[in-house]
Amino acid sequence: TLDAHGTDGSPVIELSVDQIRRLVAGAQQDLQDFL
């Protein structure tokens, strides 16, 4: 949810847990590669 405290029905994006898990793993790998 873009703005949990918004009063005008904030935009929402829904993704599966598996999609988020893959995105987080990719971000972690990118940070490890940078390090």
Full PDB file with SEQRES, HELIX, SHEET, SSBOND, CRYST1, ORIGX, SCALE, CONECT and MASTER records, all heavy atoms in Angstrom:
SEQRES   1 A   35  THR LEU ASP ALA HIS GLY THR ASP GLY SER PRO VAL ILE          
SEQRES   2 A   35  GLU LEU SER VAL ASP GLN ILE ARG ARG LEU VAL ALA GLY          
SEQRES   3 A   35  ALA GLN GLN ASP LEU GLN ASP PHE LEU                          
HELIX    1 AA1 VAL A   17  PHE A   34  1                                  18    
CRYST1    1.000    1.000    1.000  90.00  90.00  90.00 P 1           1          
ORIGX1      1.000000  0.000000  0.000000        0.00000                         
ORIGX2      0.000000  1.000000  0.000000        0.00000                         
ORIGX3      0.000000  0.000000  1.000000        0.00000                         
SCALE1      1.000000  0.000000  0.000000        0.00000                         
SCALE2      0.000000  1.000000  0.000000        0.00000                         
SCALE3      0.000000  0.000000  1.000000        0.00000                         
ATOM      1  N   THR A   1       0.853  -1.182   0.000  1.00  0.00           N  
ATOM      2  CA  THR A   1       0.000   0.000   0.000  1.00  0.00           C  
ATOM      3  C   THR A   1       0.888   1.230   0.000  1.00  0.00           C  
ATOM      4  O   THR A   1       1.736   1.402   0.886  1.00  0.00           O  
ATOM      5  CB  THR A   1      -0.924   0.008   1.230  1.00  0.00           C  
ATOM      6  OG1 THR A   1      -1.670  -1.213   1.252  1.00  0.00           O  
ATOM      7  CG2 THR A   1      -1.877   1.191   1.199  1.00  0.00           C  
ATOM      8  N   LEU A   2       0.697   2.076  -0.999  1.00  0.00           N  
ATOM      9  CA  LEU A   2       1.538   3.254  -1.167  1.00  0.00           C  
ATOM     10  C   LEU A   2       1.484   4.168   0.049  1.00  0.00           C  
ATOM     11  O   LEU A   2       2.500   4.600   0.562  1.00  0.00           O  
ATOM     12  CB  LEU A   2       1.138   4.022  -2.425  1.00  0.00           C  
ATOM     13  CG  LEU A   2       1.918   5.291  -2.705  1.00  0.00           C  
ATOM     14  CD1 LEU A   2       3.389   4.975  -2.943  1.00  0.00           C  
ATOM     15  CD2 LEU A   2       1.327   6.029  -3.884  1.00  0.00           C  
ATOM     16  N   ASP A   3       0.288   4.470   0.545  1.00  0.00           N  
ATOM     17  CA  ASP A   3       0.152   5.362   1.693  1.00  0.00           C  
ATOM     18  C   ASP A   3      -0.891   4.805   2.647  1.00  0.00           C  
ATOM     19  O   ASP A   3      -2.092   5.005   2.462  1.00  0.00           O  
ATOM     20  CB  ASP A   3      -0.236   6.766   1.246  1.00  0.00           C  
ATOM     21  CG  ASP A   3      -0.181   7.786   2.381  1.00  0.00           C  
ATOM     22  OD1 ASP A   3       0.129   7.400   3.533  1.00  0.00           O  
ATOM     23  OD2 ASP A   3      -0.453   8.962   2.116  1.00  0.00           O  
ATOM     24  N   ALA A   4      -0.407   4.113   3.669  1.00  0.00           N  
ATOM     25  CA  ALA A   4      -1.299   3.462   4.631  1.00  0.00           C  
ATOM     26  C   ALA A   4      -2.154   4.466   5.390  1.00  0.00           C  
ATOM     27  O   ALA A   4      -3.230   4.131   5.885  1.00  0.00           O  
ATOM     28  CB  ALA A   4      -0.489   2.628   5.618  1.00  0.00           C  
ATOM     29  N   HIS A   5      -1.699   5.716   5.477  1.00  0.00           N  
ATOM     30  CA  HIS A   5      -2.442   6.737   6.213  1.00  0.00           C  
ATOM     31  C   HIS A   5      -3.224   7.657   5.282  1.00  0.00           C  
ATOM     32  O   HIS A   5      -3.824   8.630   5.732  1.00  0.00           O  
ATOM     33  CB  HIS A   5      -1.496   7.556   7.089  1.00  0.00           C  
ATOM     34  CG  HIS A   5      -0.723   6.713   8.059  1.00  0.00           C  
ATOM     35  ND1 HIS A   5      -1.328   5.935   9.018  1.00  0.00           N  
ATOM     36  CD2 HIS A   5       0.607   6.496   8.189  1.00  0.00           C  
ATOM     37  CE1 HIS A   5      -0.411   5.283   9.712  1.00  0.00           C  
ATOM     38  NE2 HIS A   5       0.774   5.608   9.222  1.00  0.00           N  
ATOM     39  N   GLY A   6      -3.199   7.345   4.001  1.00  0.00           N  
ATOM     40  CA  GLY A   6      -3.922   8.163   3.035  1.00  0.00           C  
ATOM     41  C   GLY A   6      -5.428   8.025   3.214  1.00  0.00           C  
ATOM     42  O   GLY A   6      -5.929   6.983   3.617  1.00  0.00           O  
ATOM     43  N   THR A   7      -6.133   9.065   2.912  1.00  0.00           N  
ATOM     44  CA  THR A   7      -7.584   9.054   3.105  1.00  0.00           C  
ATOM     45  C   THR A   7      -8.347   8.866   1.799  1.00  0.00           C  
ATOM     46  O   THR A   7      -9.557   8.723   1.810  1.00  0.00           O  
ATOM     47  CB  THR A   7      -8.039  10.378   3.753  1.00  0.00           C  
ATOM     48  OG1 THR A   7      -7.618  11.462   2.915  1.00  0.00           O  
ATOM     49  CG2 THR A   7      -7.453  10.531   5.143  1.00  0.00           C  
ATOM     50  N   ASP A   8      -7.635   8.853   0.682  1.00  0.00           N  
ATOM     51  CA  ASP A   8      -8.305   8.787  -0.616  1.00  0.00           C  
ATOM     52  C   ASP A   8      -8.169   7.435  -1.299  1.00  0.00           C  
ATOM     53  O   ASP A   8      -8.170   7.344  -2.518  1.00  0.00           O  
ATOM     54  CB  ASP A   8      -7.748   9.866  -1.558  1.00  0.00           C  
ATOM     55  CG  ASP A   8      -8.030  11.257  -1.059  1.00  0.00           C  
ATOM     56  OD1 ASP A   8      -9.007  11.416  -0.308  1.00  0.00           O  
ATOM     57  OD2 ASP A   8      -7.275  12.176  -1.410  1.00  0.00           O  
ATOM     58  N   GLY A   9      -8.064   6.352  -0.543  1.00  0.00           N  
ATOM     59  CA  GLY A   9      -7.926   5.049  -1.156  1.00  0.00           C  
ATOM     60  C   GLY A   9      -6.602   4.911  -1.884  1.00  0.00           C  
ATOM     61  O   GLY A   9      -6.539   4.974  -3.103  1.00  0.00           O  
ATOM     62  N   SER A  10      -5.563   4.759  -1.141  1.00  0.00           N  
ATOM     63  CA  SER A  10      -4.211   4.699  -1.690  1.00  0.00           C  
ATOM     64  C   SER A  10      -4.048   3.549  -2.674  1.00  0.00           C  
ATOM     65  O   SER A  10      -4.641   2.482  -2.504  1.00  0.00           O  
ATOM     66  CB  SER A  10      -3.220   4.521  -0.546  1.00  0.00           C  
ATOM     67  OG  SER A  10      -1.906   4.486  -1.048  1.00  0.00           O  
ATOM     68  N   PRO A  11      -3.230   3.740  -3.714  1.00  0.00           N  
ATOM     69  CA  PRO A  11      -2.957   2.652  -4.655  1.00  0.00           C  
ATOM     70  C   PRO A  11      -2.335   1.445  -3.951  1.00  0.00           C  
ATOM     71  O   PRO A  11      -1.572   1.595  -2.991  1.00  0.00           O  
ATOM     72  CB  PRO A  11      -1.960   3.261  -5.642  1.00  0.00           C  
ATOM     73  CG  PRO A  11      -2.139   4.732  -5.516  1.00  0.00           C  
ATOM     74  CD  PRO A  11      -2.560   4.975  -4.103  1.00  0.00           C  
ATOM     75  N   VAL A  12      -2.654   0.265  -4.466  1.00  0.00           N  
ATOM     76  CA  VAL A  12      -2.171  -0.990  -3.889  1.00  0.00           C  
ATOM     77  C   VAL A  12      -1.593  -1.846  -5.013  1.00  0.00           C  
ATOM     78  O   VAL A  12      -2.148  -1.892  -6.107  1.00  0.00           O  
ATOM     79  CB  VAL A  12      -3.328  -1.745  -3.189  1.00  0.00           C  
ATOM     80  CG1 VAL A  12      -2.895  -3.130  -2.763  1.00  0.00           C  
ATOM     81  CG2 VAL A  12      -3.843  -0.953  -1.999  1.00  0.00           C  
ATOM     82  N   ILE A  13      -0.485  -2.509  -4.713  1.00  0.00           N  
ATOM     83  CA  ILE A  13       0.105  -3.507  -5.598  1.00  0.00           C  
ATOM     84  C   ILE A  13       0.061  -4.825  -4.836  1.00  0.00           C  
ATOM     85  O   ILE A  13       0.393  -4.866  -3.654  1.00  0.00           O  
ATOM     86  CB  ILE A  13       1.569  -3.157  -5.946  1.00  0.00           C  
ATOM     87  CG1 ILE A  13       1.661  -1.798  -6.630  1.00  0.00           C  
ATOM     88  CG2 ILE A  13       2.191  -4.249  -6.814  1.00  0.00           C  
ATOM     89  CD1 ILE A  13       3.104  -1.273  -6.755  1.00  0.00           C  
ATOM     90  N   GLU A  14      -0.354  -5.901  -5.494  1.00  0.00           N  
ATOM     91  CA  GLU A  14      -0.355  -7.213  -4.849  1.00  0.00           C  
ATOM     92  C   GLU A  14       0.533  -8.159  -5.635  1.00  0.00           C  
ATOM     93  O   GLU A  14       0.424  -8.255  -6.863  1.00  0.00           O  
ATOM     94  CB  GLU A  14      -1.772  -7.771  -4.742  1.00  0.00           C  
ATOM     95  CG  GLU A  14      -2.622  -7.005  -3.760  1.00  0.00           C  
ATOM     96  CD  GLU A  14      -3.981  -7.638  -3.520  1.00  0.00           C  
ATOM     97  OE1 GLU A  14      -4.431  -8.462  -4.358  1.00  0.00           O  
ATOM     98  OE2 GLU A  14      -4.613  -7.303  -2.503  1.00  0.00           O  
ATOM     99  N   LEU A  15       1.439  -8.828  -4.895  1.00  0.00           N  
ATOM    100  CA  LEU A  15       2.337  -9.811  -5.474  1.00  0.00           C  
ATOM    101  C   LEU A  15       2.306 -11.063  -4.615  1.00  0.00           C  
ATOM    102  O   LEU A  15       2.013 -10.991  -3.415  1.00  0.00           O  
ATOM    103  CB  LEU A  15       3.772  -9.280  -5.526  1.00  0.00           C  
ATOM    104  CG  LEU A  15       4.021  -8.053  -6.395  1.00  0.00           C  
ATOM    105  CD1 LEU A  15       5.400  -7.488  -6.119  1.00  0.00           C  
ATOM    106  CD2 LEU A  15       3.882  -8.418  -7.859  1.00  0.00           C  
ATOM    107  N   SER A  16       2.634 -12.186  -5.215  1.00  0.00           N  
ATOM    108  CA  SER A  16       2.676 -13.423  -4.430  1.00  0.00           C  
ATOM    109  C   SER A  16       3.896 -13.403  -3.510  1.00  0.00           C  
ATOM    110  O   SER A  16       4.892 -12.712  -3.776  1.00  0.00           O  
ATOM    111  CB  SER A  16       2.736 -14.646  -5.351  1.00  0.00           C  
ATOM    112  OG  SER A  16       4.013 -14.750  -5.950  1.00  0.00           O  
ATOM    113  N   VAL A  17       3.799 -14.157  -2.437  1.00  0.00           N  
ATOM    114  CA  VAL A  17       4.923 -14.296  -1.513  1.00  0.00           C  
ATOM    115  C   VAL A  17       6.147 -14.803  -2.273  1.00  0.00           C  
ATOM    116  O   VAL A  17       7.265 -14.332  -2.053  1.00  0.00           O  
ATOM    117  CB  VAL A  17       4.541 -15.236  -0.345  1.00  0.00           C  
ATOM    118  CG1 VAL A  17       5.767 -15.653   0.459  1.00  0.00           C  
ATOM    119  CG2 VAL A  17       3.512 -14.579   0.552  1.00  0.00           C  
ATOM    120  N   ASP A  18       5.940 -15.745  -3.188  1.00  0.00           N  
ATOM    121  CA  ASP A  18       7.063 -16.285  -3.965  1.00  0.00           C  
ATOM    122  C   ASP A  18       7.726 -15.206  -4.816  1.00  0.00           C  
ATOM    123  O   ASP A  18       8.955 -15.175  -4.937  1.00  0.00           O  
ATOM    124  CB  ASP A  18       6.605 -17.437  -4.857  1.00  0.00           C  
ATOM    125  CG  ASP A  18       6.237 -18.674  -4.065  1.00  0.00           C  
ATOM    126  OD1 ASP A  18       6.682 -18.810  -2.897  1.00  0.00           O  
ATOM    127  OD2 ASP A  18       5.493 -19.515  -4.600  1.00  0.00           O  
ATOM    128  N   GLN A  19       6.939 -14.321  -5.414  1.00  0.00           N  
ATOM    129  CA  GLN A  19       7.518 -13.225  -6.209  1.00  0.00           C  
ATOM    130  C   GLN A  19       8.361 -12.309  -5.330  1.00  0.00           C  
ATOM    131  O   GLN A  19       9.471 -11.928  -5.708  1.00  0.00           O  
ATOM    132  CB  GLN A  19       6.416 -12.404  -6.886  1.00  0.00           C  
ATOM    133  CG  GLN A  19       5.748 -13.095  -8.044  1.00  0.00           C  
ATOM    134  CD  GLN A  19       4.573 -12.276  -8.555  1.00  0.00           C  
ATOM    135  OE1 GLN A  19       3.607 -12.038  -7.833  1.00  0.00           O  
ATOM    136  NE2 GLN A  19       4.673 -11.837  -9.803  1.00  0.00           N  
ATOM    137  N   ILE A  20       7.832 -11.941  -4.182  1.00  0.00           N  
ATOM    138  CA  ILE A  20       8.571 -11.065  -3.261  1.00  0.00           C  
ATOM    139  C   ILE A  20       9.838 -11.766  -2.785  1.00  0.00           C  
ATOM    140  O   ILE A  20      10.912 -11.161  -2.729  1.00  0.00           O  
ATOM    141  CB  ILE A  20       7.698 -10.636  -2.066  1.00  0.00           C  
ATOM    142  CG1 ILE A  20       6.517  -9.785  -2.534  1.00  0.00           C  
ATOM    143  CG2 ILE A  20       8.531  -9.911  -1.006  1.00  0.00           C  
ATOM    144  CD1 ILE A  20       6.896  -8.417  -3.047  1.00  0.00           C  
ATOM    145  N   ARG A  21       9.729 -13.061  -2.467  1.00  0.00           N  
ATOM    146  CA  ARG A  21      10.905 -13.814  -2.008  1.00  0.00           C  
ATOM    147  C   ARG A  21      12.004 -13.808  -3.088  1.00  0.00           C  
ATOM    148  O   ARG A  21      13.173 -13.618  -2.786  1.00  0.00           O  
ATOM    149  CB  ARG A  21      10.505 -15.240  -1.638  1.00  0.00           C  
ATOM    150  CG  ARG A  21      11.511 -15.934  -0.758  1.00  0.00           C  
ATOM    151  CD  ARG A  21      11.016 -17.281  -0.247  1.00  0.00           C  
ATOM    152  NE  ARG A  21       9.812 -17.231   0.541  1.00  0.00           N  
ATOM    153  CZ  ARG A  21       9.739 -16.900   1.820  1.00  0.00           C  
ATOM    154  NH1 ARG A  21      10.827 -16.524   2.458  1.00  0.00           N  
ATOM    155  NH2 ARG A  21       8.589 -16.911   2.463  1.00  0.00           N  
ATOM    156  N   ARG A  22      11.623 -13.974  -4.352  1.00  0.00           N  
ATOM    157  CA  ARG A  22      12.603 -13.940  -5.446  1.00  0.00           C  
ATOM    158  C   ARG A  22      13.211 -12.543  -5.586  1.00  0.00           C  
ATOM    159  O   ARG A  22      14.415 -12.398  -5.801  1.00  0.00           O  
ATOM    160  CB  ARG A  22      11.962 -14.374  -6.768  1.00  0.00           C  
ATOM    161  CG  ARG A  22      11.807 -15.884  -6.902  1.00  0.00           C  
ATOM    162  CD  ARG A  22      11.412 -16.299  -8.307  1.00  0.00           C  
ATOM    163  NE  ARG A  22      10.160 -15.725  -8.774  1.00  0.00           N  
ATOM    164  CZ  ARG A  22       8.953 -16.236  -8.545  1.00  0.00           C  
ATOM    165  NH1 ARG A  22       8.816 -17.352  -7.845  1.00  0.00           N  
ATOM    166  NH2 ARG A  22       7.874 -15.642  -9.015  1.00  0.00           N  
ATOM    167  N   LEU A  23      12.389 -11.508  -5.468  1.00  0.00           N  
ATOM    168  CA  LEU A  23      12.899 -10.134  -5.561  1.00  0.00           C  
ATOM    169  C   LEU A  23      13.880  -9.832  -4.427  1.00  0.00           C  
ATOM    170  O   LEU A  23      14.923  -9.210  -4.645  1.00  0.00           O  
ATOM    171  CB  LEU A  23      11.740  -9.135  -5.544  1.00  0.00           C  
ATOM    172  CG  LEU A  23      10.874  -9.118  -6.803  1.00  0.00           C  
ATOM    173  CD1 LEU A  23       9.601  -8.311  -6.549  1.00  0.00           C  
ATOM    174  CD2 LEU A  23      11.645  -8.566  -7.982  1.00  0.00           C  
ATOM    175  N   VAL A  24      13.555 -10.264  -3.215  1.00  0.00           N  
ATOM    176  CA  VAL A  24      14.434 -10.022  -2.067  1.00  0.00           C  
ATOM    177  C   VAL A  24      15.743 -10.798  -2.234  1.00  0.00           C  
ATOM    178  O   VAL A  24      16.820 -10.256  -1.991  1.00  0.00           O  
ATOM    179  CB  VAL A  24      13.730 -10.391  -0.740  1.00  0.00           C  
ATOM    180  CG1 VAL A  24      14.708 -10.371   0.430  1.00  0.00           C  
ATOM    181  CG2 VAL A  24      12.569  -9.448  -0.477  1.00  0.00           C  
ATOM    182  N   ALA A  25      15.659 -12.044  -2.689  1.00  0.00           N  
ATOM    183  CA  ALA A  25      16.873 -12.838  -2.914  1.00  0.00           C  
ATOM    184  C   ALA A  25      17.744 -12.183  -3.988  1.00  0.00           C  
ATOM    185  O   ALA A  25      18.976 -12.136  -3.856  1.00  0.00           O  
ATOM    186  CB  ALA A  25      16.513 -14.269  -3.308  1.00  0.00           C  
ATOM    187  N   GLY A  26      17.128 -11.663  -5.028  1.00  0.00           N  
ATOM    188  CA  GLY A  26      17.876 -10.969  -6.075  1.00  0.00           C  
ATOM    189  C   GLY A  26      18.538  -9.709  -5.560  1.00  0.00           C  
ATOM    190  O   GLY A  26      19.702  -9.424  -5.887  1.00  0.00           O  
ATOM    191  N   ALA A  27      17.824  -8.952  -4.742  1.00  0.00           N  
ATOM    192  CA  ALA A  27      18.399  -7.731  -4.158  1.00  0.00           C  
ATOM    193  C   ALA A  27      19.561  -8.079  -3.232  1.00  0.00           C  
ATOM    194  O   ALA A  27      20.606  -7.418  -3.261  1.00  0.00           O  
ATOM    195  CB  ALA A  27      17.328  -6.954  -3.405  1.00  0.00           C  
ATOM    196  N   GLN A  28      19.393  -9.118  -2.433  1.00  0.00           N  
ATOM    197  CA  GLN A  28      20.473  -9.536  -1.540  1.00  0.00           C  
ATOM    198  C   GLN A  28      21.695  -9.954  -2.358  1.00  0.00           C  
ATOM    199  O   GLN A  28      22.825  -9.584  -2.026  1.00  0.00           O  
ATOM    200  CB  GLN A  28      20.021 -10.681  -0.642  1.00  0.00           C  
ATOM    201  CG  GLN A  28      21.104 -11.137   0.310  1.00  0.00           C  
ATOM    202  CD  GLN A  28      20.697 -12.323   1.160  1.00  0.00           C  
ATOM    203  OE1 GLN A  28      19.687 -12.981   0.896  1.00  0.00           O  
ATOM    204  NE2 GLN A  28      21.475 -12.613   2.182  1.00  0.00           N  
ATOM    205  N   GLN A  29      21.492 -10.686  -3.438  1.00  0.00           N  
ATOM    206  CA  GLN A  29      22.612 -11.104  -4.278  1.00  0.00           C  
ATOM    207  C   GLN A  29      23.303  -9.894  -4.910  1.00  0.00           C  
ATOM    208  O   GLN A  29      24.527  -9.833  -4.992  1.00  0.00           O  
ATOM    209  CB  GLN A  29      22.157 -12.084  -5.351  1.00  0.00           C  
ATOM    210  CG  GLN A  29      23.304 -12.661  -6.152  1.00  0.00           C  
ATOM    211  CD  GLN A  29      24.287 -13.428  -5.269  1.00  0.00           C  
ATOM    212  OE1 GLN A  29      23.900 -14.359  -4.574  1.00  0.00           O  
ATOM    213  NE2 GLN A  29      25.557 -13.037  -5.289  1.00  0.00           N  
ATOM    214  N   ASP A  30      22.507  -8.928  -5.361  1.00  0.00           N  
ATOM    215  CA  ASP A  30      23.086  -7.706  -5.934  1.00  0.00           C  
ATOM    216  C   ASP A  30      23.962  -6.982  -4.908  1.00  0.00           C  
ATOM    217  O   ASP A  30      25.051  -6.498  -5.240  1.00  0.00           O  
ATOM    218  CB  ASP A  30      21.993  -6.756  -6.433  1.00  0.00           C  
ATOM    219  CG  ASP A  30      21.310  -7.244  -7.692  1.00  0.00           C  
ATOM    220  OD1 ASP A  30      21.811  -8.191  -8.345  1.00  0.00           O  
ATOM    221  OD2 ASP A  30      20.247  -6.685  -8.023  1.00  0.00           O  
ATOM    222  N   LEU A  31      23.497  -6.909  -3.666  1.00  0.00           N  
ATOM    223  CA  LEU A  31      24.278  -6.259  -2.617  1.00  0.00           C  
ATOM    224  C   LEU A  31      25.555  -7.047  -2.308  1.00  0.00           C  
ATOM    225  O   LEU A  31      26.628  -6.462  -2.120  1.00  0.00           O  
ATOM    226  CB  LEU A  31      23.436  -6.071  -1.352  1.00  0.00           C  
ATOM    227  CG  LEU A  31      22.305  -5.052  -1.466  1.00  0.00           C  
ATOM    228  CD1 LEU A  31      21.404  -5.122  -0.241  1.00  0.00           C  
ATOM    229  CD2 LEU A  31      22.855  -3.656  -1.659  1.00  0.00           C  
ATOM    230  N   GLN A  32      25.445  -8.382  -2.284  1.00  0.00           N  
ATOM    231  CA  GLN A  32      26.628  -9.221  -2.060  1.00  0.00           C  
ATOM    232  C   GLN A  32      27.644  -9.031  -3.185  1.00  0.00           C  
ATOM    233  O   GLN A  32      28.848  -8.931  -2.947  1.00  0.00           O  
ATOM    234  CB  GLN A  32      26.235 -10.705  -1.962  1.00  0.00           C  
ATOM    235  CG  GLN A  32      25.483 -11.067  -0.716  1.00  0.00           C  
ATOM    236  CD  GLN A  32      26.362 -11.128   0.528  1.00  0.00           C  
ATOM    237  OE1 GLN A  32      27.566 -10.904   0.495  1.00  0.00           O  
ATOM    238  NE2 GLN A  32      25.751 -11.408   1.659  1.00  0.00           N  
ATOM    239  N   ASP A  33      27.147  -8.979  -4.430  1.00  0.00           N  
ATOM    240  CA  ASP A  33      28.034  -8.773  -5.578  1.00  0.00           C  
ATOM    241  C   ASP A  33      28.719  -7.413  -5.496  1.00  0.00           C  
ATOM    242  O   ASP A  33      29.915  -7.299  -5.778  1.00  0.00           O  
ATOM    243  CB  ASP A  33      27.249  -8.890  -6.891  1.00  0.00           C  
ATOM    244  CG  ASP A  33      26.749 -10.299  -7.164  1.00  0.00           C  
ATOM    245  OD1 ASP A  33      27.208 -11.254  -6.496  1.00  0.00           O  
ATOM    246  OD2 ASP A  33      25.875 -10.436  -8.047  1.00  0.00           O  
ATOM    247  N   PHE A  34      27.963  -6.376  -5.100  1.00  0.00           N  
ATOM    248  CA  PHE A  34      28.549  -5.051  -4.926  1.00  0.00           C  
ATOM    249  C   PHE A  34      29.630  -5.081  -3.852  1.00  0.00           C  
ATOM    250  O   PHE A  34      30.715  -4.519  -4.028  1.00  0.00           O  
ATOM    251  CB  PHE A  34      27.467  -4.025  -4.575  1.00  0.00           C  
ATOM    252  CG  PHE A  34      28.036  -2.691  -4.206  1.00  0.00           C  
ATOM    253  CD1 PHE A  34      28.513  -1.832  -5.184  1.00  0.00           C  
ATOM    254  CD2 PHE A  34      28.117  -2.301  -2.882  1.00  0.00           C  
ATOM    255  CE1 PHE A  34      29.068  -0.609  -4.850  1.00  0.00           C  
ATOM    256  CE2 PHE A  34      28.662  -1.076  -2.538  1.00  0.00           C  
ATOM    257  CZ  PHE A  34      29.136  -0.226  -3.527  1.00  0.00           C  
ATOM    258  N   LEU A  35      29.350  -5.747  -2.741  1.00  0.00           N  
ATOM    259  CA  LEU A  35      30.327  -5.838  -1.657  1.00  0.00           C  
ATOM    260  C   LEU A  35      31.600  -6.531  -2.138  1.00  0.00           C  
ATOM    261  O   LEU A  35      32.709  -6.098  -1.814  1.00  0.00           O  
ATOM    262  CB  LEU A  35      29.735  -6.582  -0.456  1.00  0.00           C  
ATOM    263  CG  LEU A  35      30.644  -6.726   0.763  1.00  0.00           C  
ATOM    264  CD1 LEU A  35      31.002  -5.363   1.334  1.00  0.00           C  
ATOM    265  CD2 LEU A  35      29.970  -7.598   1.815  1.00  0.00           C  
TER     266      LEU A  35                                                      
MASTER        0    0    0    1    0    0    0    6  265    1    0    3          
END                                                                             
